[in-house]
Amino acid sequence: MSRPVLVAYASKHGSTAEVAEVVASSLVDRGLVVDVRPVGEVDDLSPYGGIVFGGALYMGRLHADGRRFLRQHRAALAAVPFAVFAMGPGSLEEKDVSGSRAQLERALETVPEVVPFAVAIFGGVVRREELRFPFNRMPETDARDWDAIHHWAESLPGHFGSEPGVPARPLGVATTQ
């Protein structure tokens, strides 16, 4: 049996954690052993054969815990199959998705040795009751496209060599809106 996959996430209000759980469930459904944890609880990546990282985007930047995770574990992340998703845009309009992708790319540029085989941007969530003034004046939104999230998650297992006797596929970059 191959080593487990870690699905680690940096989430402030819980929507990124919810997506991480769905991604993990999809991996489990395809025969992988998966550990789901907030990045702040991850000290050692050596037990894992692959990593999926999810981070929330706030005010133009990746969540601080996510940036710290990438820097702290850069060598380990470069040595295993690594996929990343970010949550952020309030809509799935191309300009909003492109802006969020640029924010994620800036964060990944700080760890150039870490090359994800899959990158996805998913819509974000605004729950006014969780925000302080003036942000609590923003309209409520939930731009997550659950079909796209499931589809992206279902594309990951082969990269982790989940089928017995079948090595992981070569790494390349895949993008999902």
N, C-alpha and C. Protein backbone atom coordinates (compact mmCIF):
# COMPACT_ATOMS: atom_id res chain seq x y z
N MET A 1 0.85 -1.19 0.00
CA MET A 1 0.00 0.00 0.00
C MET A 1 0.89 1.24 0.00
N SER A 2 0.50 2.23 -0.76
CA SER A 2 1.28 3.46 -0.83
C SER A 2 1.07 4.31 0.42
N ARG A 3 1.95 5.27 0.58
CA ARG A 3 1.85 6.17 1.73
C ARG A 3 0.61 7.04 1.61
N PRO A 4 0.09 7.53 2.74
CA PRO A 4 -1.12 8.36 2.70
C PRO A 4 -0.87 9.71 2.02
N VAL A 5 -1.96 10.32 1.63
CA VAL A 5 -1.94 11.66 1.04
C VAL A 5 -2.44 12.61 2.12
N LEU A 6 -1.78 13.75 2.23
CA LEU A 6 -2.21 14.80 3.16
C LEU A 6 -3.00 15.84 2.38
N VAL A 7 -4.18 16.17 2.88
CA VAL A 7 -4.93 17.32 2.38
C VAL A 7 -4.85 18.35 3.50
N ALA A 8 -4.03 19.37 3.28
CA ALA A 8 -3.79 20.41 4.28
C ALA A 8 -4.42 21.70 3.80
N TYR A 9 -4.99 22.45 4.73
CA TYR A 9 -5.70 23.66 4.32
C TYR A 9 -5.45 24.81 5.29
N ALA A 10 -5.54 26.02 4.73
CA ALA A 10 -5.46 27.26 5.50
C ALA A 10 -6.77 27.98 5.28
N SER A 11 -7.58 28.05 6.34
CA SER A 11 -8.94 28.58 6.24
C SER A 11 -9.23 29.48 7.42
N LYS A 12 -9.83 30.61 7.16
CA LYS A 12 -10.16 31.53 8.24
C LYS A 12 -11.59 31.35 8.73
N HIS A 13 -12.52 31.15 7.80
CA HIS A 13 -13.93 31.06 8.15
C HIS A 13 -14.56 29.71 7.84
N GLY A 14 -13.77 28.77 7.33
CA GLY A 14 -14.26 27.40 7.18
C GLY A 14 -14.62 26.94 5.78
N SER A 15 -14.78 27.83 4.82
CA SER A 15 -15.18 27.36 3.49
C SER A 15 -14.06 26.58 2.80
N THR A 16 -12.81 26.96 3.01
CA THR A 16 -11.70 26.21 2.44
C THR A 16 -11.60 24.84 3.11
N ALA A 17 -11.86 24.78 4.40
CA ALA A 17 -11.87 23.50 5.11
C ALA A 17 -12.97 22.60 4.54
N GLU A 18 -14.12 23.16 4.23
CA GLU A 18 -15.22 22.37 3.66
C GLU A 18 -14.81 21.78 2.31
N VAL A 19 -14.14 22.56 1.49
CA VAL A 19 -13.68 22.06 0.19
C VAL A 19 -12.59 21.00 0.40
N ALA A 20 -11.69 21.22 1.34
CA ALA A 20 -10.65 20.23 1.63
C ALA A 20 -11.27 18.88 2.02
N GLU A 21 -12.32 18.91 2.79
CA GLU A 21 -13.01 17.67 3.19
C GLU A 21 -13.61 16.97 1.97
N VAL A 22 -14.17 17.72 1.04
CA VAL A 22 -14.74 17.12 -0.17
C VAL A 22 -13.63 16.51 -1.04
N VAL A 23 -12.52 17.22 -1.17
CA VAL A 23 -11.38 16.70 -1.93
C VAL A 23 -10.89 15.41 -1.28
N ALA A 24 -10.73 15.42 0.03
CA ALA A 24 -10.27 14.22 0.75
C ALA A 24 -11.23 13.06 0.56
N SER A 25 -12.52 13.32 0.65
CA SER A 25 -13.53 12.27 0.48
C SER A 25 -13.43 11.65 -0.91
N SER A 26 -13.20 12.47 -1.91
CA SER A 26 -13.06 11.97 -3.27
C SER A 26 -11.84 11.06 -3.39
N LEU A 27 -10.74 11.44 -2.75
CA LEU A 27 -9.53 10.62 -2.78
C LEU A 27 -9.75 9.29 -2.07
N VAL A 28 -10.43 9.33 -0.94
CA VAL A 28 -10.75 8.11 -0.19
C VAL A 28 -11.64 7.20 -1.04
N ASP A 29 -12.61 7.78 -1.73
CA ASP A 29 -13.51 7.01 -2.59
C ASP A 29 -12.74 6.30 -3.70
N ARG A 30 -11.57 6.78 -4.04
CA ARG A 30 -10.75 6.18 -5.09
C ARG A 30 -9.61 5.34 -4.53
N GLY A 31 -9.74 4.97 -3.26
CA GLY A 31 -8.83 4.00 -2.67
C GLY A 31 -7.60 4.53 -1.96
N LEU A 32 -7.49 5.83 -1.81
CA LEU A 32 -6.33 6.39 -1.13
C LEU A 32 -6.59 6.52 0.37
N VAL A 33 -5.53 6.43 1.13
CA VAL A 33 -5.58 6.73 2.56
C VAL A 33 -5.25 8.21 2.67
N VAL A 34 -6.11 8.95 3.37
CA VAL A 34 -5.99 10.41 3.38
C VAL A 34 -6.05 10.93 4.82
N ASP A 35 -5.24 11.94 5.08
CA ASP A 35 -5.25 12.67 6.34
C ASP A 35 -5.61 14.11 6.00
N VAL A 36 -6.61 14.67 6.67
CA VAL A 36 -7.04 16.06 6.43
C VAL A 36 -6.72 16.87 7.67
N ARG A 37 -5.93 17.95 7.50
CA ARG A 37 -5.53 18.75 8.66
C ARG A 37 -5.33 20.21 8.30
N PRO A 38 -5.60 21.09 9.26
CA PRO A 38 -5.21 22.50 9.06
C PRO A 38 -3.69 22.59 9.00
N VAL A 39 -3.17 23.49 8.17
CA VAL A 39 -1.72 23.58 8.00
C VAL A 39 -0.99 23.88 9.30
N GLY A 40 -1.64 24.58 10.21
CA GLY A 40 -1.00 24.90 11.48
C GLY A 40 -0.75 23.69 12.36
N GLU A 41 -1.39 22.56 12.05
CA GLU A 41 -1.19 21.33 12.81
C GLU A 41 -0.21 20.37 12.15
N VAL A 42 0.40 20.80 11.05
CA VAL A 42 1.30 19.93 10.30
C VAL A 42 2.75 20.32 10.59
N ASP A 43 3.47 19.39 11.20
CA ASP A 43 4.89 19.63 11.50
C ASP A 43 5.82 18.86 10.58
N ASP A 44 5.37 17.69 10.12
CA ASP A 44 6.24 16.77 9.40
C ASP A 44 5.49 16.20 8.20
N LEU A 45 6.08 16.32 7.02
CA LEU A 45 5.46 15.79 5.82
C LEU A 45 6.03 14.45 5.40
N SER A 46 7.04 13.95 6.12
CA SER A 46 7.70 12.71 5.70
C SER A 46 6.79 11.48 5.63
N PRO A 47 5.70 11.40 6.42
CA PRO A 47 4.84 10.21 6.29
C PRO A 47 4.00 10.17 5.01
N TYR A 48 3.95 11.26 4.27
CA TYR A 48 3.01 11.38 3.17
C TYR A 48 3.65 11.15 1.80
N GLY A 49 2.89 10.47 0.94
CA GLY A 49 3.34 10.22 -0.42
C GLY A 49 2.86 11.26 -1.40
N GLY A 50 2.07 12.19 -0.95
CA GLY A 50 1.57 13.28 -1.78
C GLY A 50 0.84 14.29 -0.93
N ILE A 51 0.73 15.49 -1.43
CA ILE A 51 0.11 16.58 -0.68
C ILE A 51 -0.86 17.32 -1.58
N VAL A 52 -2.05 17.61 -1.03
CA VAL A 52 -2.98 18.55 -1.64
C VAL A 52 -3.09 19.70 -0.65
N PHE A 53 -2.80 20.90 -1.12
CA PHE A 53 -2.86 22.08 -0.27
C PHE A 53 -3.97 23.00 -0.75
N GLY A 54 -4.79 23.46 0.18
CA GLY A 54 -5.84 24.42 -0.14
C GLY A 54 -5.69 25.65 0.72
N GLY A 55 -5.80 26.79 0.11
CA GLY A 55 -5.66 28.03 0.86
C GLY A 55 -6.67 29.07 0.45
N ALA A 56 -7.10 29.83 1.43
CA ALA A 56 -8.01 30.94 1.18
C ALA A 56 -7.21 32.16 0.74
N LEU A 57 -7.80 32.94 -0.14
CA LEU A 57 -7.21 34.20 -0.58
C LEU A 57 -7.99 35.33 0.08
N TYR A 58 -7.24 36.22 0.73
CA TYR A 58 -7.85 37.36 1.41
C TYR A 58 -7.10 38.63 1.02
N MET A 59 -7.84 39.62 0.62
CA MET A 59 -7.26 40.94 0.36
C MET A 59 -6.02 40.86 -0.53
N GLY A 60 -6.10 40.01 -1.55
CA GLY A 60 -5.02 39.92 -2.52
C GLY A 60 -3.87 39.00 -2.16
N ARG A 61 -4.00 38.26 -1.06
CA ARG A 61 -2.89 37.39 -0.64
C ARG A 61 -3.42 36.05 -0.16
N LEU A 62 -2.56 35.06 -0.27
CA LEU A 62 -2.85 33.75 0.30
C LEU A 62 -2.84 33.86 1.82
N HIS A 63 -3.74 33.15 2.46
CA HIS A 63 -3.82 33.11 3.93
C HIS A 63 -2.41 32.99 4.53
N ALA A 64 -2.12 33.73 5.57
CA ALA A 64 -0.79 33.76 6.18
C ALA A 64 -0.31 32.37 6.60
N ASP A 65 -1.19 31.55 7.15
CA ASP A 65 -0.79 30.19 7.53
C ASP A 65 -0.40 29.38 6.30
N GLY A 66 -1.05 29.62 5.19
CA GLY A 66 -0.72 28.94 3.95
C GLY A 66 0.64 29.36 3.43
N ARG A 67 0.94 30.65 3.47
CA ARG A 67 2.26 31.13 3.03
C ARG A 67 3.35 30.53 3.91
N ARG A 68 3.11 30.48 5.20
CA ARG A 68 4.07 29.91 6.14
C ARG A 68 4.28 28.42 5.85
N PHE A 69 3.20 27.69 5.61
CA PHE A 69 3.28 26.26 5.29
C PHE A 69 4.15 26.03 4.05
N LEU A 70 3.93 26.80 3.00
CA LEU A 70 4.71 26.65 1.78
C LEU A 70 6.20 26.90 2.03
N ARG A 71 6.50 27.96 2.76
CA ARG A 71 7.91 28.27 3.05
C ARG A 71 8.55 27.21 3.94
N GLN A 72 7.86 26.85 4.99
CA GLN A 72 8.41 25.91 5.98
C GLN A 72 8.66 24.53 5.39
N HIS A 73 7.80 24.10 4.49
CA HIS A 73 7.89 22.72 3.97
C HIS A 73 8.31 22.67 2.51
N ARG A 74 8.94 23.70 2.03
CA ARG A 74 9.26 23.79 0.61
C ARG A 74 10.05 22.60 0.09
N ALA A 75 11.04 22.11 0.81
CA ALA A 75 11.84 20.97 0.34
C ALA A 75 10.99 19.71 0.27
N ALA A 76 10.19 19.46 1.28
CA ALA A 76 9.34 18.26 1.29
C ALA A 76 8.28 18.34 0.19
N LEU A 77 7.71 19.52 -0.02
CA LEU A 77 6.69 19.69 -1.05
C LEU A 77 7.26 19.48 -2.45
N ALA A 78 8.52 19.84 -2.64
CA ALA A 78 9.17 19.67 -3.94
C ALA A 78 9.48 18.21 -4.24
N ALA A 79 9.47 17.36 -3.21
CA ALA A 79 9.89 15.97 -3.36
C ALA A 79 8.74 14.98 -3.56
N VAL A 80 7.49 15.45 -3.46
CA VAL A 80 6.33 14.55 -3.60
C VAL A 80 5.32 15.17 -4.57
N PRO A 81 4.43 14.35 -5.12
CA PRO A 81 3.37 14.94 -5.95
C PRO A 81 2.57 15.95 -5.12
N PHE A 82 2.38 17.14 -5.68
CA PHE A 82 1.79 18.26 -4.96
C PHE A 82 0.74 18.92 -5.83
N ALA A 83 -0.46 19.08 -5.29
CA ALA A 83 -1.55 19.80 -5.97
C ALA A 83 -2.00 20.93 -5.06
N VAL A 84 -2.55 21.98 -5.66
CA VAL A 84 -2.95 23.14 -4.87
C VAL A 84 -4.26 23.71 -5.41
N PHE A 85 -5.11 24.14 -4.47
CA PHE A 85 -6.29 24.89 -4.84
C PHE A 85 -6.39 26.11 -3.94
N ALA A 86 -7.03 27.14 -4.46
CA ALA A 86 -7.25 28.35 -3.68
C ALA A 86 -8.70 28.76 -3.83
N MET A 87 -9.20 29.35 -2.76
CA MET A 87 -10.57 29.84 -2.70
C MET A 87 -10.51 31.36 -2.64
N GLY A 88 -11.33 32.01 -3.44
CA GLY A 88 -11.24 33.45 -3.32
C GLY A 88 -12.24 34.28 -4.07
N PRO A 89 -12.35 34.09 -5.38
CA PRO A 89 -13.17 35.05 -6.09
C PRO A 89 -14.64 34.98 -5.66
N GLY A 90 -15.26 36.14 -5.62
CA GLY A 90 -16.66 36.20 -5.24
C GLY A 90 -17.60 35.78 -6.35
N SER A 91 -17.04 35.61 -7.55
CA SER A 91 -17.81 35.11 -8.68
C SER A 91 -16.87 34.28 -9.55
N LEU A 92 -17.44 33.56 -10.48
CA LEU A 92 -16.62 32.78 -11.40
C LEU A 92 -16.44 33.48 -12.74
N GLU A 93 -16.65 34.81 -12.72
CA GLU A 93 -16.35 35.62 -13.91
C GLU A 93 -14.85 35.49 -14.19
N GLU A 94 -14.49 35.47 -15.47
CA GLU A 94 -13.10 35.27 -15.87
C GLU A 94 -12.15 36.27 -15.20
N LYS A 95 -12.54 37.53 -15.11
CA LYS A 95 -11.66 38.54 -14.51
C LYS A 95 -11.42 38.24 -13.03
N ASP A 96 -12.45 37.76 -12.33
CA ASP A 96 -12.29 37.45 -10.91
C ASP A 96 -11.41 36.22 -10.71
N VAL A 97 -11.63 35.20 -11.52
CA VAL A 97 -10.82 33.98 -11.43
C VAL A 97 -9.37 34.29 -11.79
N SER A 98 -9.16 35.09 -12.83
CA SER A 98 -7.80 35.47 -13.24
C SER A 98 -7.08 36.24 -12.14
N GLY A 99 -7.79 37.14 -11.48
CA GLY A 99 -7.19 37.89 -10.38
C GLY A 99 -6.79 36.98 -9.24
N SER A 100 -7.63 36.03 -8.91
CA SER A 100 -7.30 35.09 -7.84
C SER A 100 -6.15 34.18 -8.25
N ARG A 101 -6.14 33.76 -9.51
CA ARG A 101 -5.03 32.92 -9.98
C ARG A 101 -3.71 33.68 -9.85
N ALA A 102 -3.71 34.96 -10.19
CA ALA A 102 -2.49 35.77 -10.06
C ALA A 102 -2.04 35.85 -8.60
N GLN A 103 -3.00 35.96 -7.69
CA GLN A 103 -2.66 36.01 -6.26
C GLN A 103 -2.00 34.69 -5.83
N LEU A 104 -2.56 33.58 -6.26
CA LEU A 104 -1.98 32.29 -5.92
C LEU A 104 -0.60 32.12 -6.55
N GLU A 105 -0.48 32.52 -7.80
CA GLU A 105 0.82 32.41 -8.48
C GLU A 105 1.89 33.22 -7.78
N ARG A 106 1.54 34.40 -7.27
CA ARG A 106 2.52 35.21 -6.51
C ARG A 106 2.98 34.44 -5.27
N ALA A 107 2.06 33.78 -4.59
CA ALA A 107 2.44 33.00 -3.41
C ALA A 107 3.34 31.83 -3.81
N LEU A 108 3.03 31.16 -4.90
CA LEU A 108 3.83 30.02 -5.33
C LEU A 108 5.21 30.46 -5.84
N GLU A 109 5.31 31.67 -6.36
CA GLU A 109 6.61 32.17 -6.83
C GLU A 109 7.62 32.31 -5.70
N THR A 110 7.15 32.39 -4.46
CA THR A 110 8.07 32.51 -3.32
C THR A 110 8.73 31.18 -3.00
N VAL A 111 8.22 30.09 -3.58
CA VAL A 111 8.81 28.76 -3.40
C VAL A 111 8.97 28.11 -4.78
N PRO A 112 9.90 28.63 -5.60
CA PRO A 112 9.99 28.19 -7.00
C PRO A 112 10.31 26.72 -7.18
N GLU A 113 10.89 26.08 -6.18
CA GLU A 113 11.20 24.66 -6.29
C GLU A 113 9.97 23.78 -6.16
N VAL A 114 8.86 24.35 -5.68
CA VAL A 114 7.61 23.61 -5.51
C VAL A 114 6.77 23.80 -6.77
N VAL A 115 6.60 22.71 -7.52
CA VAL A 115 5.87 22.78 -8.79
C VAL A 115 4.65 21.86 -8.71
N PRO A 116 3.47 22.45 -8.54
CA PRO A 116 2.27 21.61 -8.45
C PRO A 116 1.93 20.97 -9.79
N PHE A 117 1.42 19.74 -9.73
CA PHE A 117 0.96 19.08 -10.95
C PHE A 117 -0.46 19.50 -11.31
N ALA A 118 -1.18 20.08 -10.35
CA ALA A 118 -2.54 20.55 -10.60
C ALA A 118 -2.79 21.80 -9.77
N VAL A 119 -3.40 22.79 -10.41
CA VAL A 119 -3.72 24.05 -9.75
C VAL A 119 -5.16 24.39 -10.07
N ALA A 120 -5.92 24.78 -9.05
CA ALA A 120 -7.31 25.15 -9.28
C ALA A 120 -7.67 26.37 -8.45
N ILE A 121 -8.53 27.19 -9.01
CA ILE A 121 -9.13 28.32 -8.30
C ILE A 121 -10.62 28.03 -8.21
N PHE A 122 -11.14 28.07 -6.99
CA PHE A 122 -12.56 27.87 -6.77
C PHE A 122 -13.15 29.14 -6.17
N GLY A 123 -14.42 29.34 -6.42
CA GLY A 123 -15.11 30.52 -5.91
C GLY A 123 -15.12 30.54 -4.39
N GLY A 124 -15.15 31.73 -3.86
CA GLY A 124 -15.13 31.92 -2.41
C GLY A 124 -16.52 32.09 -1.82
N VAL A 125 -16.52 32.30 -0.53
CA VAL A 125 -17.75 32.44 0.23
C VAL A 125 -17.66 33.71 1.07
N VAL A 126 -18.73 34.48 1.10
CA VAL A 126 -18.83 35.62 2.01
C VAL A 126 -20.04 35.37 2.89
N ARG A 127 -19.78 35.23 4.17
CA ARG A 127 -20.85 35.11 5.17
C ARG A 127 -20.74 36.36 6.05
N ARG A 128 -21.65 37.27 5.85
CA ARG A 128 -21.56 38.59 6.49
C ARG A 128 -21.41 38.50 8.00
N GLU A 129 -22.10 37.57 8.65
CA GLU A 129 -22.06 37.49 10.11
C GLU A 129 -20.66 37.15 10.64
N GLU A 130 -19.78 36.66 9.77
CA GLU A 130 -18.42 36.30 10.20
C GLU A 130 -17.43 37.45 10.02
N LEU A 131 -17.87 38.53 9.41
CA LEU A 131 -16.96 39.62 9.06
C LEU A 131 -17.16 40.84 9.94
N ARG A 132 -16.09 41.61 10.05
CA ARG A 132 -16.15 42.88 10.77
C ARG A 132 -16.43 44.01 9.79
N PHE A 133 -16.86 45.12 10.35
CA PHE A 133 -17.09 46.33 9.57
C PHE A 133 -15.78 46.75 8.92
N PRO A 134 -15.74 47.17 7.71
CA PRO A 134 -16.82 47.43 6.77
C PRO A 134 -17.16 46.21 5.90
N PHE A 135 -16.41 45.11 6.07
CA PHE A 135 -16.61 43.95 5.21
C PHE A 135 -17.96 43.26 5.43
N ASN A 136 -18.53 43.46 6.62
CA ASN A 136 -19.83 42.85 6.87
C ASN A 136 -20.96 43.53 6.09
N ARG A 137 -20.61 44.54 5.32
CA ARG A 137 -21.58 45.20 4.43
C ARG A 137 -21.58 44.57 3.03
N MET A 138 -20.66 43.66 2.80
CA MET A 138 -20.58 43.00 1.50
C MET A 138 -21.78 42.08 1.31
N PRO A 139 -22.19 41.86 0.08
CA PRO A 139 -23.30 40.93 -0.13
C PRO A 139 -22.87 39.49 0.16
N GLU A 140 -23.79 38.71 0.68
CA GLU A 140 -23.54 37.28 0.92
C GLU A 140 -23.34 36.60 -0.43
N THR A 141 -22.31 35.75 -0.51
CA THR A 141 -22.09 34.98 -1.74
C THR A 141 -21.54 33.61 -1.39
N ASP A 142 -21.78 32.68 -2.26
CA ASP A 142 -21.13 31.37 -2.22
C ASP A 142 -20.90 30.98 -3.66
N ALA A 143 -19.70 31.25 -4.15
CA ALA A 143 -19.37 31.04 -5.55
C ALA A 143 -18.71 29.68 -5.79
N ARG A 144 -18.77 28.79 -4.81
CA ARG A 144 -18.17 27.47 -5.01
C ARG A 144 -18.98 26.68 -6.03
N ASP A 145 -18.30 26.12 -6.98
CA ASP A 145 -18.91 25.26 -7.99
C ASP A 145 -18.57 23.82 -7.59
N TRP A 146 -19.51 23.18 -6.90
CA TRP A 146 -19.23 21.85 -6.34
C TRP A 146 -18.95 20.82 -7.42
N ASP A 147 -19.56 20.95 -8.60
CA ASP A 147 -19.26 20.02 -9.69
C ASP A 147 -17.80 20.16 -10.13
N ALA A 148 -17.33 21.39 -10.25
CA ALA A 148 -15.93 21.63 -10.64
C ALA A 148 -14.98 21.13 -9.55
N ILE A 149 -15.34 21.32 -8.31
CA ILE A 149 -14.50 20.84 -7.20
C ILE A 149 -14.39 19.32 -7.24
N HIS A 150 -15.53 18.64 -7.40
CA HIS A 150 -15.52 17.17 -7.49
C HIS A 150 -14.71 16.70 -8.69
N HIS A 151 -14.92 17.35 -9.83
CA HIS A 151 -14.20 16.96 -11.05
C HIS A 151 -12.69 17.10 -10.85
N TRP A 152 -12.26 18.22 -10.27
CA TRP A 152 -10.83 18.44 -10.04
C TRP A 152 -10.29 17.38 -9.08
N ALA A 153 -10.99 17.13 -8.00
CA ALA A 153 -10.54 16.14 -7.01
C ALA A 153 -10.43 14.75 -7.63
N GLU A 154 -11.37 14.41 -8.50
CA GLU A 154 -11.36 13.10 -9.15
C GLU A 154 -10.20 12.94 -10.12
N SER A 155 -9.59 14.06 -10.55
CA SER A 155 -8.46 13.99 -11.48
C SER A 155 -7.13 13.74 -10.76
N LEU A 156 -7.11 13.80 -9.45
CA LEU A 156 -5.86 13.75 -8.70
C LEU A 156 -5.29 12.36 -8.41
N PRO A 157 -6.07 11.35 -8.09
CA PRO A 157 -5.51 10.10 -7.57
C PRO A 157 -4.41 9.46 -8.39
N GLY A 158 -4.51 9.45 -9.70
CA GLY A 158 -3.48 8.82 -10.53
C GLY A 158 -2.11 9.44 -10.36
N HIS A 159 -2.06 10.69 -9.98
CA HIS A 159 -0.78 11.36 -9.75
C HIS A 159 -0.11 10.87 -8.48
N PHE A 160 -0.88 10.28 -7.60
CA PHE A 160 -0.34 9.77 -6.35
C PHE A 160 -0.05 8.27 -6.42
N GLY A 161 -0.17 7.67 -7.62
CA GLY A 161 0.11 6.25 -7.77
C GLY A 161 -0.84 5.39 -6.97
N SER A 162 -2.15 5.74 -7.00
CA SER A 162 -3.11 5.07 -6.15
C SER A 162 -3.45 3.64 -6.58
N GLU A 163 -3.22 3.32 -7.83
CA GLU A 163 -3.54 1.98 -8.26
C GLU A 163 -2.36 1.07 -7.96
N PRO A 164 -2.60 -0.09 -7.31
CA PRO A 164 -1.51 -0.98 -6.97
C PRO A 164 -0.68 -1.34 -8.20
N GLY A 165 0.64 -1.23 -8.05
CA GLY A 165 1.55 -1.59 -9.12
C GLY A 165 1.67 -0.56 -10.23
N VAL A 166 0.97 0.53 -10.12
CA VAL A 166 1.04 1.57 -11.15
C VAL A 166 1.72 2.79 -10.56
N PRO A 167 2.86 3.20 -11.14
CA PRO A 167 3.53 4.39 -10.59
C PRO A 167 2.72 5.65 -10.85
N ALA A 168 3.03 6.68 -10.10
CA ALA A 168 2.37 7.97 -10.31
C ALA A 168 2.68 8.46 -11.72
N ARG A 169 1.71 9.16 -12.31
CA ARG A 169 1.92 9.75 -13.63
C ARG A 169 2.97 10.85 -13.54
N PRO A 170 3.65 11.11 -14.65
CA PRO A 170 4.61 12.21 -14.64
C PRO A 170 3.90 13.51 -14.30
N LEU A 171 4.64 14.39 -13.66
CA LEU A 171 4.06 15.66 -13.25
C LEU A 171 4.00 16.64 -14.41
N GLY A 172 2.90 17.34 -14.48
CA GLY A 172 2.69 18.41 -15.45
C GLY A 172 1.75 19.38 -14.78
N VAL A 173 1.45 20.47 -15.40
CA VAL A 173 0.56 21.44 -14.79
C VAL A 173 -0.80 21.34 -15.44
N ALA A 174 -1.81 21.15 -14.62
CA ALA A 174 -3.19 21.15 -15.08
C ALA A 174 -3.89 22.31 -14.41
N THR A 175 -4.76 22.95 -15.12
CA THR A 175 -5.47 24.07 -14.51
C THR A 175 -6.96 23.84 -14.60
N THR A 176 -7.66 24.34 -13.60
CA THR A 176 -9.11 24.25 -13.55
C THR A 176 -9.61 25.61 -13.13
N GLN A 177 -10.72 26.00 -13.67
CA GLN A 177 -11.29 27.28 -13.30
C GLN A 177 -12.02 27.17 -12.00
